[in-house]
N, C-alpha and C. Protein backbone atom coordinates (compact mmCIF):
# COMPACT_ATOMS: atom_id res chain seq x y z
N MET A 1 117.44 77.14 135.82
CA MET A 1 116.61 77.71 134.75
C MET A 1 117.04 77.21 133.38
N MET A 2 118.02 76.33 133.34
CA MET A 2 118.48 75.81 132.05
C MET A 2 117.36 75.09 131.30
N TRP A 3 116.38 74.57 132.05
CA TRP A 3 115.30 73.84 131.40
C TRP A 3 114.48 74.74 130.47
N LEU A 4 114.57 76.05 130.69
CA LEU A 4 113.85 76.96 129.81
C LEU A 4 114.31 76.84 128.36
N TYR A 5 115.56 76.40 128.18
CA TYR A 5 116.07 76.26 126.83
C TYR A 5 115.47 75.05 126.11
N LEU A 6 114.67 74.25 126.85
CA LEU A 6 113.94 73.16 126.21
C LEU A 6 112.65 73.66 125.56
N LEU A 7 112.26 74.90 125.87
CA LEU A 7 111.04 75.45 125.29
C LEU A 7 111.05 75.42 123.76
N PRO A 8 112.15 75.79 123.10
CA PRO A 8 112.15 75.69 121.63
C PRO A 8 111.93 74.27 121.12
N LEU A 9 112.45 73.27 121.84
CA LEU A 9 112.22 71.88 121.42
C LEU A 9 110.73 71.55 121.52
N PHE A 10 110.11 71.92 122.64
CA PHE A 10 108.67 71.72 122.79
C PHE A 10 107.92 72.42 121.66
N ALA A 11 108.34 73.65 121.36
CA ALA A 11 107.66 74.43 120.33
C ALA A 11 107.81 73.77 118.96
N TYR A 12 108.99 73.26 118.67
CA TYR A 12 109.19 72.58 117.39
C TYR A 12 108.26 71.38 117.26
N LEU A 13 108.15 70.59 118.33
CA LEU A 13 107.28 69.42 118.30
C LEU A 13 105.81 69.82 118.16
N LEU A 14 105.42 70.91 118.81
CA LEU A 14 104.06 71.42 118.66
C LEU A 14 103.83 71.90 117.23
N GLY A 15 104.79 72.63 116.69
CA GLY A 15 104.67 73.12 115.33
C GLY A 15 104.62 72.01 114.30
N SER A 16 105.18 70.86 114.65
CA SER A 16 105.21 69.72 113.72
C SER A 16 103.85 69.06 113.53
N VAL A 17 102.89 69.41 114.39
CA VAL A 17 101.53 68.88 114.22
C VAL A 17 100.89 69.62 113.05
N SER A 18 100.75 68.96 111.92
CA SER A 18 100.22 69.60 110.71
C SER A 18 98.70 69.67 110.79
N SER A 19 98.18 70.87 111.00
CA SER A 19 96.73 71.05 111.11
C SER A 19 96.02 70.56 109.85
N ALA A 20 96.59 70.86 108.68
CA ALA A 20 95.96 70.48 107.42
C ALA A 20 95.82 68.97 107.30
N VAL A 21 96.88 68.25 107.62
CA VAL A 21 96.85 66.79 107.52
C VAL A 21 95.87 66.21 108.53
N VAL A 22 95.91 66.73 109.76
CA VAL A 22 95.03 66.22 110.81
C VAL A 22 93.56 66.49 110.47
N ILE A 23 93.25 67.71 110.05
CA ILE A 23 91.87 68.07 109.69
C ILE A 23 91.40 67.24 108.50
N ALA A 24 92.26 67.07 107.51
CA ALA A 24 91.90 66.26 106.34
C ALA A 24 91.56 64.84 106.75
N ARG A 25 92.34 64.27 107.65
CA ARG A 25 92.06 62.90 108.09
C ARG A 25 90.75 62.83 108.87
N ILE A 26 90.53 63.80 109.75
CA ILE A 26 89.29 63.81 110.55
C ILE A 26 88.06 63.93 109.66
N LEU A 27 88.15 64.77 108.64
CA LEU A 27 87.01 65.02 107.76
C LEU A 27 86.93 64.06 106.57
N GLY A 28 87.87 63.13 106.50
CA GLY A 28 87.85 62.16 105.42
C GLY A 28 88.24 62.73 104.07
N LEU A 29 89.06 63.77 104.08
CA LEU A 29 89.52 64.40 102.84
C LEU A 29 90.86 63.81 102.42
N PRO A 30 91.23 63.96 101.15
CA PRO A 30 92.55 63.50 100.71
C PRO A 30 93.67 64.26 101.44
N ASP A 31 94.81 63.62 101.53
CA ASP A 31 95.98 64.25 102.14
C ASP A 31 96.35 65.49 101.33
N PRO A 32 96.42 66.67 101.97
CA PRO A 32 96.71 67.90 101.21
C PRO A 32 98.08 67.90 100.56
N ARG A 33 98.95 67.02 101.00
CA ARG A 33 100.29 66.95 100.40
C ARG A 33 100.27 66.18 99.09
N GLU A 34 99.11 65.60 98.75
CA GLU A 34 99.02 64.79 97.53
C GLU A 34 98.06 65.37 96.49
N VAL A 35 97.37 66.46 96.83
CA VAL A 35 96.39 67.03 95.88
C VAL A 35 96.60 68.54 95.77
N GLY A 36 96.02 69.10 94.72
CA GLY A 36 96.10 70.55 94.53
C GLY A 36 97.53 71.04 94.42
N SER A 37 97.85 72.05 95.21
CA SER A 37 99.21 72.60 95.22
C SER A 37 100.17 71.74 96.02
N ARG A 38 99.64 70.73 96.71
CA ARG A 38 100.42 69.83 97.56
C ARG A 38 101.00 70.53 98.77
N ASN A 39 100.45 71.67 99.09
CA ASN A 39 100.89 72.41 100.28
C ASN A 39 99.89 72.15 101.41
N PRO A 40 100.37 71.65 102.54
CA PRO A 40 99.46 71.41 103.67
C PRO A 40 99.12 72.70 104.40
N GLY A 41 98.32 73.52 103.75
CA GLY A 41 97.93 74.79 104.33
C GLY A 41 96.47 75.09 104.06
N ALA A 42 95.97 76.15 104.65
CA ALA A 42 94.55 76.48 104.57
C ALA A 42 94.09 76.79 103.15
N THR A 43 94.91 77.45 102.34
CA THR A 43 94.49 77.81 100.99
C THR A 43 94.28 76.57 100.13
N ASN A 44 95.18 75.62 100.21
CA ASN A 44 95.03 74.38 99.44
C ASN A 44 93.80 73.60 99.93
N ILE A 45 93.64 73.51 101.24
CA ILE A 45 92.47 72.82 101.80
C ILE A 45 91.18 73.50 101.34
N LEU A 46 91.18 74.82 101.29
CA LEU A 46 89.99 75.56 100.86
C LEU A 46 89.58 75.16 99.45
N ARG A 47 90.56 75.02 98.58
CA ARG A 47 90.27 74.75 97.17
C ARG A 47 89.61 73.40 96.95
N TYR A 48 89.96 72.40 97.75
CA TYR A 48 89.36 71.09 97.49
C TYR A 48 88.53 70.55 98.66
N GLY A 49 88.66 71.17 99.82
CA GLY A 49 87.95 70.64 100.98
C GLY A 49 86.84 71.52 101.51
N GLY A 50 86.80 72.78 101.06
CA GLY A 50 85.73 73.67 101.49
C GLY A 50 86.12 74.59 102.63
N LYS A 51 85.20 75.49 102.94
CA LYS A 51 85.47 76.56 103.90
C LYS A 51 85.68 76.05 105.32
N THR A 52 84.86 75.09 105.74
CA THR A 52 84.98 74.59 107.12
C THR A 52 86.36 73.99 107.36
N ALA A 53 86.80 73.14 106.46
CA ALA A 53 88.13 72.52 106.59
C ALA A 53 89.22 73.58 106.58
N ALA A 54 89.06 74.58 105.72
CA ALA A 54 90.07 75.64 105.62
C ALA A 54 90.13 76.48 106.90
N ILE A 55 88.96 76.82 107.44
CA ILE A 55 88.93 77.62 108.67
C ILE A 55 89.55 76.85 109.83
N LEU A 56 89.23 75.56 109.94
CA LEU A 56 89.81 74.74 111.01
C LEU A 56 91.32 74.63 110.85
N THR A 57 91.78 74.48 109.62
CA THR A 57 93.22 74.40 109.36
C THR A 57 93.91 75.71 109.73
N LEU A 58 93.34 76.81 109.28
CA LEU A 58 93.90 78.13 109.59
C LEU A 58 93.96 78.36 111.09
N ALA A 59 92.87 78.04 111.78
CA ALA A 59 92.82 78.23 113.24
C ALA A 59 93.88 77.37 113.93
N GLY A 60 94.01 76.13 113.49
CA GLY A 60 95.01 75.25 114.10
C GLY A 60 96.42 75.75 113.90
N ASP A 61 96.72 76.22 112.70
CA ASP A 61 98.07 76.72 112.42
C ASP A 61 98.38 77.99 113.20
N ILE A 62 97.42 78.90 113.30
CA ILE A 62 97.62 80.12 114.08
C ILE A 62 97.79 79.78 115.56
N LEU A 63 96.93 78.87 116.04
CA LEU A 63 96.94 78.51 117.46
C LEU A 63 98.28 77.93 117.90
N LYS A 64 98.93 77.17 117.02
CA LYS A 64 100.25 76.61 117.36
C LYS A 64 101.22 77.72 117.74
N GLY A 65 101.26 78.75 116.91
CA GLY A 65 102.17 79.87 117.19
C GLY A 65 101.80 80.61 118.46
N VAL A 66 100.50 80.85 118.64
CA VAL A 66 100.04 81.57 119.83
C VAL A 66 100.37 80.80 121.10
N VAL A 67 100.04 79.52 121.13
CA VAL A 67 100.23 78.71 122.34
C VAL A 67 101.70 78.62 122.71
N ALA A 68 102.56 78.33 121.74
CA ALA A 68 104.00 78.19 122.02
C ALA A 68 104.57 79.46 122.64
N VAL A 69 104.24 80.60 122.06
CA VAL A 69 104.80 81.87 122.55
C VAL A 69 104.19 82.25 123.90
N LEU A 70 102.89 82.05 124.07
CA LEU A 70 102.28 82.39 125.36
C LEU A 70 102.85 81.55 126.50
N ILE A 71 103.10 80.28 126.24
CA ILE A 71 103.73 79.44 127.27
C ILE A 71 105.12 79.96 127.60
N ALA A 72 105.89 80.29 126.55
CA ALA A 72 107.25 80.82 126.79
C ALA A 72 107.19 82.12 127.58
N ARG A 73 106.28 83.01 127.22
CA ARG A 73 106.19 84.31 127.90
C ARG A 73 105.72 84.15 129.35
N ALA A 74 104.92 83.10 129.62
CA ALA A 74 104.47 82.85 130.99
C ALA A 74 105.60 82.34 131.87
N LEU A 75 106.61 81.73 131.24
CA LEU A 75 107.68 81.11 132.01
C LEU A 75 108.95 81.95 132.09
N THR A 76 109.12 82.89 131.17
CA THR A 76 110.34 83.70 131.18
C THR A 76 110.10 85.05 130.52
N ALA A 77 110.86 86.03 130.98
CA ALA A 77 110.83 87.35 130.35
C ALA A 77 112.00 87.53 129.39
N ASP A 78 112.79 86.49 129.23
CA ASP A 78 113.97 86.54 128.35
C ASP A 78 113.50 86.58 126.89
N SER A 79 113.70 87.70 126.22
CA SER A 79 113.21 87.86 124.86
C SER A 79 113.88 86.89 123.89
N VAL A 80 115.13 86.53 124.16
CA VAL A 80 115.84 85.59 123.27
C VAL A 80 115.17 84.22 123.32
N ILE A 81 114.86 83.73 124.52
CA ILE A 81 114.20 82.43 124.65
C ILE A 81 112.81 82.48 124.02
N VAL A 82 112.09 83.56 124.27
CA VAL A 82 110.75 83.69 123.71
C VAL A 82 110.81 83.66 122.19
N MET A 83 111.74 84.39 121.60
CA MET A 83 111.82 84.42 120.15
C MET A 83 112.36 83.11 119.57
N LEU A 84 113.26 82.45 120.27
CA LEU A 84 113.70 81.13 119.83
C LEU A 84 112.54 80.15 119.83
N THR A 85 111.68 80.29 120.83
CA THR A 85 110.49 79.43 120.91
C THR A 85 109.55 79.72 119.74
N GLY A 86 109.33 81.00 119.46
CA GLY A 86 108.47 81.36 118.33
C GLY A 86 109.05 80.88 117.01
N PHE A 87 110.34 81.01 116.85
CA PHE A 87 110.98 80.57 115.62
C PHE A 87 110.92 79.05 115.49
N ALA A 88 111.05 78.35 116.62
CA ALA A 88 111.03 76.89 116.60
C ALA A 88 109.66 76.34 116.21
N VAL A 89 108.58 76.96 116.69
CA VAL A 89 107.24 76.48 116.31
C VAL A 89 107.02 76.73 114.81
N PHE A 90 107.54 77.82 114.32
CA PHE A 90 107.48 78.14 112.89
C PHE A 90 108.24 77.09 112.08
N LEU A 91 109.45 76.74 112.52
CA LEU A 91 110.23 75.71 111.83
C LEU A 91 109.54 74.36 111.88
N GLY A 92 108.90 74.06 113.02
CA GLY A 92 108.17 72.80 113.13
C GLY A 92 107.07 72.70 112.09
N HIS A 93 106.41 73.81 111.83
CA HIS A 93 105.36 73.82 110.80
C HIS A 93 105.96 73.60 109.41
N LEU A 94 107.11 74.20 109.16
CA LEU A 94 107.75 74.05 107.85
C LEU A 94 108.31 72.66 107.63
N PHE A 95 108.89 72.09 108.69
CA PHE A 95 109.58 70.80 108.59
C PHE A 95 109.10 69.88 109.71
N PRO A 96 107.85 69.39 109.62
CA PRO A 96 107.26 68.60 110.71
C PRO A 96 107.87 67.20 110.83
N VAL A 97 108.38 66.91 112.00
CA VAL A 97 109.02 65.62 112.23
C VAL A 97 108.02 64.48 112.10
N TYR A 98 106.74 64.72 112.39
CA TYR A 98 105.73 63.66 112.33
C TYR A 98 105.26 63.35 110.91
N PHE A 99 105.55 64.23 109.97
CA PHE A 99 105.01 64.07 108.61
C PHE A 99 106.12 64.13 107.55
N GLY A 100 107.23 63.48 107.86
CA GLY A 100 108.30 63.37 106.88
C GLY A 100 108.93 64.70 106.49
N PHE A 101 108.85 65.68 107.39
CA PHE A 101 109.46 67.00 107.17
C PHE A 101 108.86 67.73 105.97
N ARG A 102 107.65 67.34 105.57
CA ARG A 102 106.94 68.00 104.45
C ARG A 102 105.86 68.88 105.05
N GLY A 103 106.19 70.14 105.26
CA GLY A 103 105.26 71.04 105.91
C GLY A 103 104.73 72.13 105.01
N GLY A 104 104.01 73.05 105.63
CA GLY A 104 103.41 74.16 104.91
C GLY A 104 104.37 75.31 104.72
N LYS A 105 103.84 76.44 104.33
CA LYS A 105 104.68 77.60 104.06
C LYS A 105 104.90 78.47 105.28
N GLY A 106 104.07 78.30 106.30
CA GLY A 106 104.35 78.95 107.58
C GLY A 106 103.66 80.27 107.82
N VAL A 107 102.83 80.73 106.90
CA VAL A 107 102.23 82.06 107.04
C VAL A 107 101.35 82.16 108.29
N ALA A 108 100.43 81.21 108.46
CA ALA A 108 99.50 81.28 109.59
C ALA A 108 100.21 81.07 110.92
N THR A 109 101.18 80.16 110.96
CA THR A 109 101.90 79.93 112.21
C THR A 109 102.74 81.15 112.58
N ALA A 110 103.36 81.77 111.59
CA ALA A 110 104.11 83.01 111.85
C ALA A 110 103.17 84.09 112.39
N LEU A 111 101.98 84.17 111.82
CA LEU A 111 101.00 85.13 112.31
C LEU A 111 100.66 84.87 113.77
N GLY A 112 100.47 83.59 114.11
CA GLY A 112 100.19 83.24 115.51
C GLY A 112 101.29 83.66 116.45
N VAL A 113 102.54 83.47 116.02
CA VAL A 113 103.68 83.89 116.83
C VAL A 113 103.61 85.39 117.12
N TRP A 114 103.36 86.18 116.09
CA TRP A 114 103.38 87.64 116.27
C TRP A 114 102.14 88.16 116.96
N LEU A 115 101.01 87.47 116.82
CA LEU A 115 99.83 87.84 117.60
C LEU A 115 100.11 87.70 119.09
N ALA A 116 100.86 86.65 119.45
CA ALA A 116 101.17 86.42 120.86
C ALA A 116 102.27 87.36 121.36
N ILE A 117 103.21 87.72 120.48
CA ILE A 117 104.27 88.65 120.87
C ILE A 117 103.70 90.05 121.06
N ASN A 118 102.96 90.51 120.08
CA ASN A 118 102.37 91.85 120.12
C ASN A 118 101.13 91.84 119.21
N PRO A 119 99.95 91.87 119.79
CA PRO A 119 98.73 91.80 118.98
C PRO A 119 98.65 92.88 117.89
N TRP A 120 99.28 94.03 118.13
CA TRP A 120 99.24 95.10 117.12
C TRP A 120 100.01 94.70 115.87
N ILE A 121 101.10 93.97 116.05
CA ILE A 121 101.84 93.46 114.89
C ILE A 121 100.97 92.46 114.14
N GLY A 122 100.34 91.56 114.89
CA GLY A 122 99.46 90.57 114.26
C GLY A 122 98.34 91.23 113.48
N LEU A 123 97.73 92.25 114.07
CA LEU A 123 96.63 92.94 113.40
C LEU A 123 97.13 93.68 112.15
N ALA A 124 98.32 94.25 112.22
CA ALA A 124 98.89 94.93 111.04
C ALA A 124 99.15 93.93 109.92
N LEU A 125 99.62 92.74 110.28
CA LEU A 125 99.86 91.70 109.28
C LEU A 125 98.54 91.23 108.65
N ILE A 126 97.53 91.05 109.48
CA ILE A 126 96.22 90.64 108.97
C ILE A 126 95.66 91.71 108.03
N ALA A 127 95.76 92.97 108.46
CA ALA A 127 95.24 94.07 107.63
C ALA A 127 95.95 94.12 106.28
N THR A 128 97.26 93.90 106.28
CA THR A 128 98.03 93.89 105.02
C THR A 128 97.57 92.76 104.12
N TRP A 129 97.43 91.57 104.71
CA TRP A 129 97.00 90.40 103.93
C TRP A 129 95.62 90.65 103.33
N VAL A 130 94.69 91.11 104.15
CA VAL A 130 93.31 91.31 103.69
C VAL A 130 93.25 92.37 102.60
N LEU A 131 93.97 93.47 102.79
CA LEU A 131 93.95 94.55 101.79
C LEU A 131 94.45 94.06 100.44
N VAL A 132 95.58 93.35 100.43
CA VAL A 132 96.12 92.84 99.17
C VAL A 132 95.19 91.79 98.56
N ALA A 133 94.60 90.95 99.42
CA ALA A 133 93.67 89.92 98.92
C ALA A 133 92.44 90.56 98.29
N LEU A 134 91.93 91.61 98.90
CA LEU A 134 90.75 92.30 98.34
C LEU A 134 91.08 92.96 97.01
N LEU A 135 92.28 93.51 96.91
CA LEU A 135 92.67 94.22 95.70
C LEU A 135 93.02 93.29 94.54
N PHE A 136 93.72 92.19 94.86
CA PHE A 136 94.27 91.35 93.79
C PHE A 136 93.77 89.90 93.78
N ARG A 137 93.20 89.43 94.91
CA ARG A 137 92.64 88.08 95.02
C ARG A 137 93.68 86.97 94.83
N TYR A 138 94.88 87.23 95.29
CA TYR A 138 95.92 86.19 95.31
C TYR A 138 96.36 85.99 96.76
N SER A 139 96.14 84.79 97.30
CA SER A 139 96.58 84.50 98.66
C SER A 139 98.09 84.60 98.78
N SER A 140 98.80 84.08 97.77
CA SER A 140 100.26 84.09 97.83
C SER A 140 100.82 85.52 97.80
N LEU A 141 100.25 86.37 96.96
CA LEU A 141 100.71 87.76 96.90
C LEU A 141 100.43 88.47 98.22
N SER A 142 99.30 88.17 98.83
CA SER A 142 98.97 88.75 100.13
C SER A 142 100.01 88.33 101.17
N ALA A 143 100.38 87.06 101.16
CA ALA A 143 101.38 86.56 102.11
C ALA A 143 102.74 87.19 101.86
N LEU A 144 103.10 87.34 100.60
CA LEU A 144 104.39 87.95 100.25
C LEU A 144 104.45 89.41 100.69
N MET A 145 103.38 90.16 100.46
CA MET A 145 103.36 91.58 100.85
C MET A 145 103.40 91.73 102.37
N ALA A 146 102.68 90.84 103.07
CA ALA A 146 102.72 90.88 104.53
C ALA A 146 104.12 90.53 105.04
N SER A 147 104.76 89.57 104.38
CA SER A 147 106.12 89.18 104.78
C SER A 147 107.11 90.32 104.59
N LEU A 148 106.96 91.05 103.48
CA LEU A 148 107.86 92.18 103.22
C LEU A 148 107.63 93.32 104.22
N ALA A 149 106.37 93.52 104.60
CA ALA A 149 106.05 94.61 105.53
C ALA A 149 106.36 94.26 106.98
N ALA A 150 106.39 92.97 107.29
CA ALA A 150 106.50 92.52 108.68
C ALA A 150 107.70 93.10 109.44
N PRO A 151 108.92 93.09 108.88
CA PRO A 151 110.04 93.67 109.64
C PRO A 151 109.83 95.15 109.98
N LEU A 152 109.16 95.88 109.10
CA LEU A 152 108.87 97.29 109.39
C LEU A 152 107.92 97.41 110.57
N TYR A 153 106.89 96.54 110.59
CA TYR A 153 105.95 96.56 111.71
C TYR A 153 106.65 96.22 113.03
N VAL A 154 107.53 95.23 112.97
CA VAL A 154 108.24 94.81 114.19
C VAL A 154 109.17 95.92 114.67
N ALA A 155 109.89 96.54 113.74
CA ALA A 155 110.80 97.63 114.12
C ALA A 155 110.03 98.78 114.75
N TRP A 156 108.82 99.02 114.29
CA TRP A 156 108.01 100.12 114.79
C TRP A 156 107.32 99.78 116.10
N LEU A 157 106.78 98.57 116.20
CA LEU A 157 105.91 98.23 117.33
C LEU A 157 106.56 97.39 118.42
N SER A 158 107.64 96.70 118.12
CA SER A 158 108.33 95.89 119.13
C SER A 158 109.83 96.12 119.02
N PRO A 159 110.29 97.30 119.41
CA PRO A 159 111.73 97.55 119.30
C PRO A 159 112.53 96.56 120.13
N GLY A 160 113.58 96.10 119.57
CA GLY A 160 114.44 95.13 120.24
C GLY A 160 115.04 94.20 119.20
N MET A 161 116.33 94.01 119.28
CA MET A 161 117.04 93.24 118.27
C MET A 161 116.56 91.80 118.13
N PRO A 162 116.29 91.06 119.23
CA PRO A 162 115.83 89.67 119.04
C PRO A 162 114.55 89.59 118.21
N TYR A 163 113.64 90.54 118.42
CA TYR A 163 112.38 90.52 117.68
C TYR A 163 112.62 90.83 116.19
N LEU A 164 113.40 91.86 115.94
CA LEU A 164 113.63 92.27 114.56
C LEU A 164 114.40 91.22 113.77
N VAL A 165 115.45 90.68 114.37
CA VAL A 165 116.24 89.65 113.68
C VAL A 165 115.37 88.44 113.36
N THR A 166 114.57 88.01 114.34
CA THR A 166 113.70 86.86 114.11
C THR A 166 112.72 87.13 112.98
N MET A 167 112.14 88.33 112.96
CA MET A 167 111.16 88.63 111.92
C MET A 167 111.81 88.70 110.55
N ILE A 168 113.00 89.26 110.46
CA ILE A 168 113.70 89.32 109.16
C ILE A 168 113.96 87.91 108.64
N VAL A 169 114.45 87.02 109.52
CA VAL A 169 114.73 85.64 109.10
C VAL A 169 113.45 84.93 108.69
N MET A 170 112.39 85.11 109.48
CA MET A 170 111.12 84.48 109.13
C MET A 170 110.59 84.99 107.79
N SER A 171 110.72 86.29 107.56
CA SER A 171 110.24 86.87 106.30
C SER A 171 111.01 86.31 105.11
N VAL A 172 112.32 86.20 105.25
CA VAL A 172 113.14 85.65 104.16
C VAL A 172 112.72 84.22 103.86
N ILE A 173 112.51 83.43 104.92
CA ILE A 173 112.08 82.04 104.73
C ILE A 173 110.71 81.97 104.07
N LEU A 174 109.80 82.82 104.53
CA LEU A 174 108.45 82.84 103.94
C LEU A 174 108.50 83.16 102.44
N ILE A 175 109.32 84.12 102.09
CA ILE A 175 109.44 84.48 100.67
C ILE A 175 110.05 83.32 99.87
N ILE A 176 111.08 82.68 100.41
CA ILE A 176 111.69 81.54 99.73
C ILE A 176 110.68 80.41 99.56
N ARG A 177 109.86 80.18 100.59
CA ARG A 177 108.86 79.10 100.53
C ARG A 177 107.79 79.37 99.46
N HIS A 178 107.69 80.61 99.04
CA HIS A 178 106.70 80.98 98.02
C HIS A 178 107.32 81.08 96.62
N HIS A 179 108.50 80.47 96.41
CA HIS A 179 109.18 80.64 95.13
C HIS A 179 108.34 80.17 93.94
N ASP A 180 107.62 79.05 94.11
CA ASP A 180 106.76 78.58 93.02
C ASP A 180 105.64 79.58 92.75
N ASN A 181 105.07 80.14 93.82
CA ASN A 181 104.00 81.12 93.66
C ASN A 181 104.50 82.37 92.95
N ILE A 182 105.72 82.77 93.27
CA ILE A 182 106.30 83.96 92.62
C ILE A 182 106.42 83.73 91.12
N ARG A 183 106.90 82.54 90.76
CA ARG A 183 107.00 82.20 89.33
C ARG A 183 105.62 82.22 88.67
N ASN A 184 104.63 81.66 89.35
CA ASN A 184 103.27 81.63 88.80
C ASN A 184 102.68 83.02 88.68
N LEU A 185 102.96 83.87 89.66
CA LEU A 185 102.46 85.25 89.60
C LEU A 185 103.05 85.98 88.40
N ILE A 186 104.34 85.79 88.19
CA ILE A 186 105.01 86.44 87.06
C ILE A 186 104.46 85.92 85.73
N ALA A 187 104.18 84.60 85.70
CA ALA A 187 103.68 83.99 84.47
C ALA A 187 102.18 84.21 84.27
N GLY A 188 101.50 84.70 85.30
CA GLY A 188 100.05 84.91 85.21
C GLY A 188 99.24 83.64 85.37
N THR A 189 99.83 82.61 85.99
CA THR A 189 99.14 81.33 86.15
C THR A 189 98.79 81.02 87.60
N GLU A 190 99.01 81.94 88.49
CA GLU A 190 98.70 81.71 89.91
C GLU A 190 97.18 81.68 90.10
N GLY A 191 96.73 80.72 90.92
CA GLY A 191 95.31 80.59 91.18
C GLY A 191 94.81 81.72 92.09
N ARG A 192 93.65 82.23 91.77
CA ARG A 192 93.05 83.28 92.59
C ARG A 192 92.18 82.67 93.68
N ILE A 193 91.93 83.45 94.71
CA ILE A 193 91.02 83.02 95.77
C ILE A 193 89.68 83.70 95.58
N SER A 194 88.63 83.00 95.99
CA SER A 194 87.29 83.58 95.90
C SER A 194 86.95 84.22 97.22
N LEU A 195 86.60 85.49 97.19
CA LEU A 195 86.25 86.22 98.40
C LEU A 195 84.72 86.43 98.48
């Protein structure tokens, strides 16, 4: 069963497939790492590529997390391996080996991981994001609030140390990845999203 420990490697390689870059190339759009916020994520794609490109990017990023975790859960009940796999696909999105380790912020892929671990956690994260987005119209603030709430949701809905530790680490990374957005929010220069 030692081969099960290769699951995180598979997940990292899967996570390294940048949906934003792939969708941009398919649709003939500029590389998202070179325009706008230079973040290869759905929000940046939305701003210059339109709704279709953004939806496809979002779906691709979420699907990476879902697929990696569902495969791991189908092969083992070991929560440590499952969570290592989920964390690895998340890291692959942040630091994609195929794209010079220049990845996105990880929000959608993290959501995919938790949707596959426990759909109720995923739904709680979506509800938090949507509520903050409706109230304030900042994608980054929505992601930050969901990241802060996520460990509470995991502690409540998926008791178990591997799950909680993984979520805390992911949340810290997500907040760090949004450092520029935090500065812009404080300065009042963060771009709003149109709902």
